Amino acid sequence: MAQNAPKPPAGLKTSGRALWRAVMADYDLDEHEVTILKEACRTADLCDGLEALLAGNLMTETSQGPRVHPAAAELRQQRVTLARLIVALRIPADTSDGRLQTRPIRGVYGIAGGAS
């Protein structure tokens, strides 16, 4: 871990602890970045829980017939959240040629174009 790195927050599970250790091993984070990392770790654990809940049962039976399990939509949203939290940390990604890159995730962030 980086020098004087804080210990993982209480309550983290396997994925959250792994993410915490991976980031803290290589980076010294400011306090605001530690807060973002905590939320990313909790979100990673939440994704694991949702995946376990689905566990091959993507469909659920309702009074209107079979439907996609609501946890599937929530899992998708939590994965987007996790990606955005990780991007917010601005941790560079290694490329195959050894260069480091930081890129934002794609998505709608604001209104493009000038005022009329």
Protein backbone atom coordinates (compact mmCIF):
# COMPACT_ATOMS: atom_id res chain seq x y z
CA MET A 1 0.00 0.00 0.00
CA ALA A 2 1.03 3.59 -0.47
CA GLN A 3 2.70 5.23 2.48
CA ASN A 4 0.19 5.93 5.32
CA ALA A 5 -2.66 4.50 3.25
CA PRO A 6 -5.89 4.19 5.21
CA LYS A 7 -7.24 0.73 5.88
CA PRO A 8 -10.26 -0.46 3.90
CA PRO A 9 -13.54 0.81 5.32
CA ALA A 10 -15.49 -1.57 7.54
CA GLY A 11 -18.15 -3.59 5.79
CA LEU A 12 -16.46 -4.02 2.43
CA LYS A 13 -16.76 -7.43 0.86
CA THR A 14 -14.47 -9.26 -1.57
CA SER A 15 -14.71 -7.02 -4.65
CA GLY A 16 -14.71 -3.81 -2.64
CA ARG A 17 -11.65 -4.83 -0.65
CA ALA A 18 -9.84 -5.95 -3.82
CA LEU A 19 -10.54 -2.62 -5.52
CA TRP A 20 -9.45 -0.69 -2.41
CA ARG A 21 -6.18 -2.60 -2.17
CA ALA A 22 -5.44 -2.35 -5.90
CA VAL A 23 -5.86 1.42 -5.96
CA MET A 24 -4.23 2.18 -2.61
CA ALA A 25 -1.21 -0.01 -3.48
CA ASP A 26 -0.23 2.28 -6.34
CA TYR A 27 -1.66 5.72 -5.58
CA ASP A 28 -1.62 8.33 -2.83
CA LEU A 29 -5.11 9.80 -2.85
CA ASP A 30 -6.36 13.12 -1.54
CA GLU A 31 -9.25 13.03 0.92
CA HIS A 32 -11.88 13.72 -1.75
CA GLU A 33 -10.46 10.90 -3.87
CA VAL A 34 -10.60 8.51 -0.89
CA THR A 35 -14.30 9.34 -0.58
CA ILE A 36 -14.84 8.52 -4.26
CA LEU A 37 -12.89 5.28 -3.87
CA LYS A 38 -15.02 4.26 -0.86
CA GLU A 39 -18.17 4.71 -2.91
CA ALA A 40 -16.65 2.80 -5.83
CA CYS A 41 -15.78 -0.09 -3.51
CA ARG A 42 -19.29 -0.16 -2.04
CA THR A 43 -20.75 -0.06 -5.54
CA ALA A 44 -18.54 -2.97 -6.63
CA ASP A 45 -19.85 -4.99 -3.68
CA LEU A 46 -23.43 -4.00 -4.51
CA CYS A 47 -22.92 -5.24 -8.09
CA ASP A 48 -21.74 -8.58 -6.72
CA GLY A 49 -24.84 -8.82 -4.54
CA LEU A 50 -27.14 -8.05 -7.46
CA GLU A 51 -25.37 -10.62 -9.63
CA ALA A 52 -25.82 -13.21 -6.89
CA LEU A 53 -29.50 -12.31 -6.61
CA LEU A 54 -29.98 -12.84 -10.32
CA ALA A 55 -27.81 -16.02 -10.40
CA GLY A 56 -29.08 -17.27 -13.73
CA ASN A 57 -32.66 -16.13 -13.09
CA LEU A 58 -32.91 -13.12 -15.36
CA MET A 59 -36.67 -13.60 -15.63
CA THR A 60 -39.20 -13.39 -12.83
CA GLU A 61 -42.88 -14.34 -12.78
CA THR A 62 -45.35 -11.51 -12.18
CA SER A 63 -49.12 -11.25 -12.29
CA GLN A 64 -48.71 -10.02 -15.90
CA GLY A 65 -46.53 -12.99 -16.81
CA PRO A 66 -42.77 -13.43 -17.06
CA ARG A 67 -40.72 -10.22 -16.92
CA VAL A 68 -37.06 -9.30 -16.70
CA HIS A 69 -36.06 -9.26 -13.04
CA PRO A 70 -35.90 -5.68 -11.67
CA ALA A 71 -32.44 -6.42 -10.26
CA ALA A 72 -31.14 -6.67 -13.85
CA ALA A 73 -31.90 -3.00 -14.51
CA GLU A 74 -30.46 -2.01 -11.15
CA LEU A 75 -27.29 -3.99 -11.85
CA ARG A 76 -26.88 -2.17 -15.16
CA GLN A 77 -27.26 1.20 -13.42
CA GLN A 78 -24.82 0.28 -10.66
CA ARG A 79 -22.24 -0.79 -13.26
CA VAL A 80 -22.58 2.61 -14.94
CA THR A 81 -22.18 4.27 -11.55
CA LEU A 82 -19.08 2.20 -10.80
CA ALA A 83 -17.54 3.13 -14.15
CA ARG A 84 -18.18 6.82 -13.51
CA LEU A 85 -16.73 6.66 -10.02
CA ILE A 86 -13.58 4.99 -11.30
CA VAL A 87 -13.26 7.58 -14.06
CA ALA A 88 -13.70 10.32 -11.46
CA LEU A 89 -10.56 9.01 -9.73
CA ARG A 90 -8.64 9.73 -12.97
CA ILE A 91 -6.49 6.63 -12.60
CA PRO A 92 -4.55 6.14 -15.82
CA ALA A 93 -5.04 2.94 -17.78
CA ASP A 94 -2.00 1.07 -19.08
CA THR A 95 -2.03 0.41 -22.80
CA SER A 96 -0.32 -2.46 -24.59
CA ASP A 97 2.45 -0.13 -25.82
CA GLY A 98 3.26 1.15 -22.33
CA ARG A 99 1.61 4.58 -22.67
CA LEU A 100 -0.78 5.75 -19.97
CA GLN A 101 -4.17 7.08 -20.96
CA THR A 102 -6.97 8.71 -19.08
CA ARG A 103 -10.29 9.03 -20.85
CA PRO A 104 -13.76 9.86 -19.68
CA ILE A 105 -16.49 7.29 -20.15
CA ARG A 106 -18.84 8.07 -22.96
CA GLY A 107 -22.21 9.51 -22.22
CA VAL A 108 -24.26 12.65 -22.04
CA TYR A 109 -22.65 15.22 -19.73
CA GLY A 110 -24.23 18.44 -20.88
CA ILE A 111 -25.81 20.35 -23.72
CA ALA A 112 -23.53 20.61 -26.74
CA GLY A 113 -23.51 23.57 -29.08
CA GLY A 114 -23.75 27.28 -28.62
CA ALA A 115 -26.55 29.44 -27.36
CA SER A 116 -29.02 30.71 -29.91
